[in-house]
């Protein structure tokens, strides 16, 4: 019976899927709404808006072409992506005024990796919503740390191609689903499934 709910776990446990998504080739460095809000606060001119739009489109085109190349190693992919994004930053620097660049710098978050805090918040919500025991929380944290270690090993292995990386990531996700099904009770899995159905109904 518990196996019936395994699929729901991957879509409802936010902190676990966020780590997997980090391994996917996500080409947007910031959330679109967050970026739009920051740029709007700069009072850009019409000319600046057009130039920035053209720069973003050019970057997206290059990243899309890069994503289609599955023969590259992880190291080459990262280097190529970094070069494209760095070029975009340089283009933006040439479009914005000094005052606008200073204002944008002041609005940057203190940390470039909020993943740790976000994971902690989501685990806290899980504990409250599912009634997790302290032992379950400990097991989930240990599972998360083990997953991160495996992800890091894959990410640091420059000899792997993108397709090989995807296959190993898929294996980690499947293993994680089984681990969560063993940690959570049947009642908790049912709560997860019910919550997922409610979200779908509200969309």
C-alpha atoms as a PDB file:
ATOM      1  CA  UNK A   1       0.000   0.000   0.000  1.00  0.00           C
ATOM      2  CA  UNK A   2       2.827   2.393   0.846  1.00  0.00           C
ATOM      3  CA  UNK A   3       4.353   1.938  -2.609  1.00  0.00           C
ATOM      4  CA  UNK A   4       1.214   3.501  -4.107  1.00  0.00           C
ATOM      5  CA  UNK A   5       2.189   6.846  -2.617  1.00  0.00           C
ATOM      6  CA  UNK A   6       5.865   6.845  -3.501  1.00  0.00           C
ATOM      7  CA  UNK A   7       5.312   8.917  -6.639  1.00  0.00           C
ATOM      8  CA  UNK A   8       3.562  11.627  -4.654  1.00  0.00           C
ATOM      9  CA  UNK A   9       6.509  12.072  -2.333  1.00  0.00           C
ATOM     10  CA  UNK A  10       8.829  13.399  -5.014  1.00  0.00           C
ATOM     11  CA  UNK A  11       6.382  16.143  -5.973  1.00  0.00           C
ATOM     12  CA  UNK A  12       5.477  17.259  -2.476  1.00  0.00           C
ATOM     13  CA  UNK A  13       8.724  17.214  -0.534  1.00  0.00           C
ATOM     14  CA  UNK A  14      10.083  20.509  -1.735  1.00  0.00           C
ATOM     15  CA  UNK A  15      13.545  20.426  -0.251  1.00  0.00           C
ATOM     16  CA  UNK A  16      14.419  17.122  -1.886  1.00  0.00           C
ATOM     17  CA  UNK A  17      13.323  18.119  -5.367  1.00  0.00           C
ATOM     18  CA  UNK A  18      15.093  21.446  -5.105  1.00  0.00           C
ATOM     19  CA  UNK A  19      18.452  19.679  -4.893  1.00  0.00           C
ATOM     20  CA  UNK A  20      17.652  17.553  -7.914  1.00  0.00           C
ATOM     21  CA  UNK A  21      16.615  20.629  -9.847  1.00  0.00           C
ATOM     22  CA  UNK A  22      19.941  22.243  -9.082  1.00  0.00           C
ATOM     23  CA  UNK A  23      21.562  19.512 -11.108  1.00  0.00           C
ATOM     24  CA  UNK A  24      19.331  20.226 -14.075  1.00  0.00           C
ATOM     25  CA  UNK A  25      20.578  22.813 -16.550  1.00  0.00           C
ATOM     26  CA  UNK A  26      18.656  25.735 -15.164  1.00  0.00           C
ATOM     27  CA  UNK A  27      19.607  28.766 -17.198  1.00  0.00           C
ATOM     28  CA  UNK A  28      17.782  31.421 -15.225  1.00  0.00           C
ATOM     29  CA  UNK A  29      20.031  32.810 -12.457  1.00  0.00           C
ATOM     30  CA  UNK A  30      17.096  34.536 -10.757  1.00  0.00           C
ATOM     31  CA  UNK A  31      13.367  34.058 -10.507  1.00  0.00           C
ATOM     32  CA  UNK A  32      11.728  36.038 -13.389  1.00  0.00           C
ATOM     33  CA  UNK A  33       9.437  38.012 -11.066  1.00  0.00           C
ATOM     34  CA  UNK A  34      12.291  38.891  -8.718  1.00  0.00           C
ATOM     35  CA  UNK A  35      14.504  40.007 -11.598  1.00  0.00           C
ATOM     36  CA  UNK A  36      11.712  42.048 -13.165  1.00  0.00           C
ATOM     37  CA  UNK A  37      11.058  43.817  -9.879  1.00  0.00           C
ATOM     38  CA  UNK A  38      14.719  44.722  -9.398  1.00  0.00           C
ATOM     39  CA  UNK A  39      15.071  46.034 -12.951  1.00  0.00           C
ATOM     40  CA  UNK A  40      11.858  48.064 -12.692  1.00  0.00           C
ATOM     41  CA  UNK A  41      13.259  49.839  -9.651  1.00  0.00           C
ATOM     42  CA  UNK A  42      16.175  51.101 -11.784  1.00  0.00           C
ATOM     43  CA  UNK A  43      13.895  53.372 -13.874  1.00  0.00           C
ATOM     44  CA  UNK A  44      15.329  52.129 -17.150  1.00  0.00           C
ATOM     45  CA  UNK A  45      14.965  54.207 -20.280  1.00  0.00           C
ATOM     46  CA  UNK A  46      13.184  52.824 -23.331  1.00  0.00           C
ATOM     47  CA  UNK A  47      16.514  52.381 -25.080  1.00  0.00           C
ATOM     48  CA  UNK A  48      17.982  50.510 -22.105  1.00  0.00           C
ATOM     49  CA  UNK A  49      14.972  48.197 -21.934  1.00  0.00           C
ATOM     50  CA  UNK A  50      15.320  47.326 -25.610  1.00  0.00           C
ATOM     51  CA  UNK A  51      19.047  46.696 -25.294  1.00  0.00           C
ATOM     52  CA  UNK A  52      18.604  44.507 -22.201  1.00  0.00           C
ATOM     53  CA  UNK A  53      15.827  42.554 -23.900  1.00  0.00           C
ATOM     54  CA  UNK A  54      18.046  41.887 -26.915  1.00  0.00           C
ATOM     55  CA  UNK A  55      20.899  40.805 -24.618  1.00  0.00           C
ATOM     56  CA  UNK A  56      18.622  38.385 -22.736  1.00  0.00           C
ATOM     57  CA  UNK A  57      17.301  36.909 -25.964  1.00  0.00           C
ATOM     58  CA  UNK A  58      20.837  36.408 -27.244  1.00  0.00           C
ATOM     59  CA  UNK A  59      21.828  34.714 -23.973  1.00  0.00           C
ATOM     60  CA  UNK A  60      18.775  32.450 -24.022  1.00  0.00           C
ATOM     61  CA  UNK A  61      19.535  31.436 -27.618  1.00  0.00           C
ATOM     62  CA  UNK A  62      23.104  30.496 -26.711  1.00  0.00           C
ATOM     63  CA  UNK A  63      22.016  28.586 -23.604  1.00  0.00           C
ATOM     64  CA  UNK A  64      19.336  26.717 -25.547  1.00  0.00           C
ATOM     65  CA  UNK A  65      21.936  25.611 -28.084  1.00  0.00           C
ATOM     66  CA  UNK A  66      24.262  24.580 -25.259  1.00  0.00           C
ATOM     67  CA  UNK A  67      21.532  22.501 -23.613  1.00  0.00           C
ATOM     68  CA  UNK A  68      21.041  20.488 -26.794  1.00  0.00           C
ATOM     69  CA  UNK A  69      24.657  19.332 -26.750  1.00  0.00           C
ATOM     70  CA  UNK A  70      24.551  16.089 -24.744  1.00  0.00           C
ATOM     71  CA  UNK A  71      28.062  15.059 -25.756  1.00  0.00           C
ATOM     72  CA  UNK A  72      29.804  17.583 -23.537  1.00  0.00           C
ATOM     73  CA  UNK A  73      31.322  16.659 -20.204  1.00  0.00           C
ATOM     74  CA  UNK A  74      29.976  18.348 -17.088  1.00  0.00           C
ATOM     75  CA  UNK A  75      33.150  20.413 -16.808  1.00  0.00           C
ATOM     76  CA  UNK A  76      32.904  21.715 -20.388  1.00  0.00           C
ATOM     77  CA  UNK A  77      29.213  22.440 -19.981  1.00  0.00           C
ATOM     78  CA  UNK A  78      29.802  24.458 -16.805  1.00  0.00           C
ATOM     79  CA  UNK A  79      32.644  26.418 -18.371  1.00  0.00           C
ATOM     80  CA  UNK A  80      30.618  27.225 -21.490  1.00  0.00           C
ATOM     81  CA  UNK A  81      27.583  28.248 -19.465  1.00  0.00           C
ATOM     82  CA  UNK A  82      29.686  30.423 -17.175  1.00  0.00           C
ATOM     83  CA  UNK A  83      31.210  32.166 -20.192  1.00  0.00           C
ATOM     84  CA  UNK A  84      27.775  32.887 -21.672  1.00  0.00           C
ATOM     85  CA  UNK A  85      26.433  34.274 -18.404  1.00  0.00           C
ATOM     86  CA  UNK A  86      29.581  36.324 -17.863  1.00  0.00           C
ATOM     87  CA  UNK A  87      29.132  37.816 -21.323  1.00  0.00           C
ATOM     88  CA  UNK A  88      25.573  38.750 -20.393  1.00  0.00           C
ATOM     89  CA  UNK A  89      26.794  40.495 -17.239  1.00  0.00           C
ATOM     90  CA  UNK A  90      29.334  42.462 -19.262  1.00  0.00           C
ATOM     91  CA  UNK A  91      26.660  43.509 -21.737  1.00  0.00           C
ATOM     92  CA  UNK A  92      24.416  44.641 -18.885  1.00  0.00           C
ATOM     93  CA  UNK A  93      27.268  46.582 -17.319  1.00  0.00           C
ATOM     94  CA  UNK A  94      27.699  48.450 -20.586  1.00  0.00           C
ATOM     95  CA  UNK A  95      24.000  49.330 -20.748  1.00  0.00           C
ATOM     96  CA  UNK A  96      23.370  50.492 -17.173  1.00  0.00           C
ATOM     97  CA  UNK A  97      24.596  53.770 -15.707  1.00  0.00           C
ATOM     98  CA  UNK A  98      26.929  53.807 -12.713  1.00  0.00           C
ATOM     99  CA  UNK A  99      24.071  54.814 -10.414  1.00  0.00           C
ATOM    100  CA  UNK A 100      21.906  51.968 -11.697  1.00  0.00           C
ATOM    101  CA  UNK A 101      24.721  49.434 -11.238  1.00  0.00           C
ATOM    102  CA  UNK A 102      25.292  50.648  -7.684  1.00  0.00           C
ATOM    103  CA  UNK A 103      21.573  50.393  -6.917  1.00  0.00           C
ATOM    104  CA  UNK A 104      21.430  46.878  -8.353  1.00  0.00           C
ATOM    105  CA  UNK A 105      24.426  45.831  -6.273  1.00  0.00           C
ATOM    106  CA  UNK A 106      22.764  47.100  -3.108  1.00  0.00           C
ATOM    107  CA  UNK A 107      19.659  45.021  -3.819  1.00  0.00           C
ATOM    108  CA  UNK A 108      21.558  41.738  -4.123  1.00  0.00           C
ATOM    109  CA  UNK A 109      20.821  39.133  -1.431  1.00  0.00           C
ATOM    110  CA  UNK A 110      23.452  38.526   1.243  1.00  0.00           C
ATOM    111  CA  UNK A 111      23.775  34.901   0.183  1.00  0.00           C
ATOM    112  CA  UNK A 112      23.867  33.465  -3.331  1.00  0.00           C
ATOM    113  CA  UNK A 113      22.748  30.063  -2.086  1.00  0.00           C
ATOM    114  CA  UNK A 114      19.576  30.200   0.049  1.00  0.00           C
ATOM    115  CA  UNK A 115      19.112  26.468  -0.402  1.00  0.00           C
ATOM    116  CA  UNK A 116      20.097  25.575   3.147  1.00  0.00           C
ATOM    117  CA  UNK A 117      17.616  27.959   4.783  1.00  0.00           C
ATOM    118  CA  UNK A 118      14.874  26.986   2.359  1.00  0.00           C
ATOM    119  CA  UNK A 119      15.406  23.311   3.075  1.00  0.00           C
ATOM    120  CA  UNK A 120      15.189  23.966   6.791  1.00  0.00           C
ATOM    121  CA  UNK A 121      11.962  25.918   6.432  1.00  0.00           C
ATOM    122  CA  UNK A 122      10.386  23.209   4.277  1.00  0.00           C
ATOM    123  CA  UNK A 123      11.404  20.502   6.732  1.00  0.00           C
ATOM    124  CA  UNK A 124       9.810  22.532   9.505  1.00  0.00           C
ATOM    125  CA  UNK A 125       6.581  22.744   7.519  1.00  0.00           C
ATOM    126  CA  UNK A 126       6.686  19.015   6.871  1.00  0.00           C
ATOM    127  CA  UNK A 127       7.112  18.304  10.571  1.00  0.00           C
ATOM    128  CA  UNK A 128       4.125  20.489  11.405  1.00  0.00           C
ATOM    129  CA  UNK A 129       1.837  19.340   8.592  1.00  0.00           C
ATOM    130  CA  UNK A 130       2.632  15.640   8.782  1.00  0.00           C
ATOM    131  CA  UNK A 131       3.260  15.369  12.502  1.00  0.00           C
ATOM    132  CA  UNK A 132       6.776  14.039  12.036  1.00  0.00           C
ATOM    133  CA  UNK A 133       8.491  12.598  15.072  1.00  0.00           C
ATOM    134  CA  UNK A 134      11.959  13.770  16.091  1.00  0.00           C
ATOM    135  CA  UNK A 135      13.311  10.429  14.914  1.00  0.00           C
ATOM    136  CA  UNK A 136      11.718  10.884  11.483  1.00  0.00           C
ATOM    137  CA  UNK A 137      13.174  14.390  11.205  1.00  0.00           C
ATOM    138  CA  UNK A 138      16.609  12.995  12.048  1.00  0.00           C
ATOM    139  CA  UNK A 139      16.249  10.270   9.411  1.00  0.00           C
ATOM    140  CA  UNK A 140      15.090  12.756   6.772  1.00  0.00           C
ATOM    141  CA  UNK A 141      18.036  15.046   7.513  1.00  0.00           C
ATOM    142  CA  UNK A 142      20.432  12.123   7.267  1.00  0.00           C
ATOM    143  CA  UNK A 143      18.820  11.093   3.979  1.00  0.00           C
ATOM    144  CA  UNK A 144      19.212  14.629   2.668  1.00  0.00           C
ATOM    145  CA  UNK A 145      22.887  14.786   3.643  1.00  0.00           C
ATOM    146  CA  UNK A 146      23.566  11.452   1.973  1.00  0.00           C
ATOM    147  CA  UNK A 147      21.788  12.665  -1.166  1.00  0.00           C
ATOM    148  CA  UNK A 148      23.833  15.883  -1.231  1.00  0.00           C
ATOM    149  CA  UNK A 149      27.054  13.907  -0.945  1.00  0.00           C
ATOM    150  CA  UNK A 150      26.074  11.760  -3.932  1.00  0.00           C
ATOM    151  CA  UNK A 151      25.011  14.802  -5.927  1.00  0.00           C
ATOM    152  CA  UNK A 152      28.308  16.532  -5.190  1.00  0.00           C
ATOM    153  CA  UNK A 153      30.239  13.468  -6.318  1.00  0.00           C
ATOM    154  CA  UNK A 154      28.373  13.482  -9.630  1.00  0.00           C
ATOM    155  CA  UNK A 155      28.744  17.224 -10.069  1.00  0.00           C
ATOM    156  CA  UNK A 156      32.486  17.129  -9.387  1.00  0.00           C
ATOM    157  CA  UNK A 157      33.086  14.219 -11.753  1.00  0.00           C
ATOM    158  CA  UNK A 158      34.249  16.069 -14.862  1.00  0.00           C
ATOM    159  CA  UNK A 159      34.589  12.817 -16.811  1.00  0.00           C
ATOM    160  CA  UNK A 160      30.808  12.330 -16.939  1.00  0.00           C
ATOM    161  CA  UNK A 161      28.812  13.482 -19.932  1.00  0.00           C
ATOM    162  CA  UNK A 162      25.499  15.299 -19.497  1.00  0.00           C
ATOM    163  CA  UNK A 163      23.530  12.174 -20.416  1.00  0.00           C
ATOM    164  CA  UNK A 164      25.492  10.050 -17.922  1.00  0.00           C
ATOM    165  CA  UNK A 165      24.915  12.643 -15.254  1.00  0.00           C
ATOM    166  CA  UNK A 166      21.160  12.566 -15.925  1.00  0.00           C
ATOM    167  CA  UNK A 167      21.034   8.799 -15.605  1.00  0.00           C
ATOM    168  CA  UNK A 168      22.848   8.845 -12.282  1.00  0.00           C
ATOM    169  CA  UNK A 169      20.622  11.649 -11.027  1.00  0.00           C
ATOM    170  CA  UNK A 170      17.558   9.625 -11.977  1.00  0.00           C
ATOM    171  CA  UNK A 171      18.896   6.704  -9.972  1.00  0.00           C
ATOM    172  CA  UNK A 172      19.397   8.932  -6.926  1.00  0.00           C
ATOM    173  CA  UNK A 173      15.825  10.200  -7.154  1.00  0.00           C
ATOM    174  CA  UNK A 174      14.433   6.681  -7.320  1.00  0.00           C
ATOM    175  CA  UNK A 175      16.488   5.661  -4.312  1.00  0.00           C
ATOM    176  CA  UNK A 176      15.294   8.723  -2.435  1.00  0.00           C
ATOM    177  CA  UNK A 177      11.639   7.932  -3.084  1.00  0.00           C
ATOM    178  CA  UNK A 178      12.089   4.504  -1.571  1.00  0.00           C
ATOM    179  CA  UNK A 179      13.901   5.949   1.422  1.00  0.00           C
ATOM    180  CA  UNK A 180      11.051   8.355   2.170  1.00  0.00           C
ATOM    181  CA  UNK A 181       8.453   5.627   1.826  1.00  0.00           C
ATOM    182  CA  UNK A 182      10.331   3.715   4.531  1.00  0.00           C
ATOM    183  CA  UNK A 183      10.596   6.740   6.843  1.00  0.00           C
ATOM    184  CA  UNK A 184       6.994   7.984   6.620  1.00  0.00           C
ATOM    185  CA  UNK A 185       3.976   6.124   7.920  1.00  0.00           C
ATOM    186  CA  UNK A 186       1.045   5.158   5.735  1.00  0.00           C
ATOM    187  CA  UNK A 187      -1.067   7.896   7.344  1.00  0.00           C
ATOM    188  CA  UNK A 188       1.565  10.516   6.537  1.00  0.00           C
ATOM    189  CA  UNK A 189       1.806   9.320   2.940  1.00  0.00           C
ATOM    190  CA  UNK A 190      -1.973   9.623   2.647  1.00  0.00           C
ATOM    191  CA  UNK A 191      -1.774  13.216   3.938  1.00  0.00           C
ATOM    192  CA  UNK A 192       0.801  13.988   1.251  1.00  0.00           C
ATOM    193  CA  UNK A 193      -1.416  12.492  -1.447  1.00  0.00           C
ATOM    194  CA  UNK A 194      -4.463  14.422  -0.192  1.00  0.00           C
ATOM    195  CA  UNK A 195      -2.498  17.680  -0.156  1.00  0.00           C
ATOM    196  CA  UNK A 196      -1.315  17.050  -3.714  1.00  0.00           C
ATOM    197  CA  UNK A 197      -4.902  16.470  -4.881  1.00  0.00           C
ATOM    198  CA  UNK A 198      -6.061  19.697  -3.194  1.00  0.00           C
ATOM    199  CA  UNK A 199      -3.350  21.706  -4.951  1.00  0.00           C
ATOM    200  CA  UNK A 200      -4.321  20.238  -8.305  1.00  0.00           C
ATOM    201  CA  UNK A 201      -7.982  21.021  -7.677  1.00  0.00           C
ATOM    202  CA  UNK A 202      -7.109  24.618  -6.839  1.00  0.00           C
ATOM    203  CA  UNK A 203      -5.153  25.195 -10.049  1.00  0.00           C
END
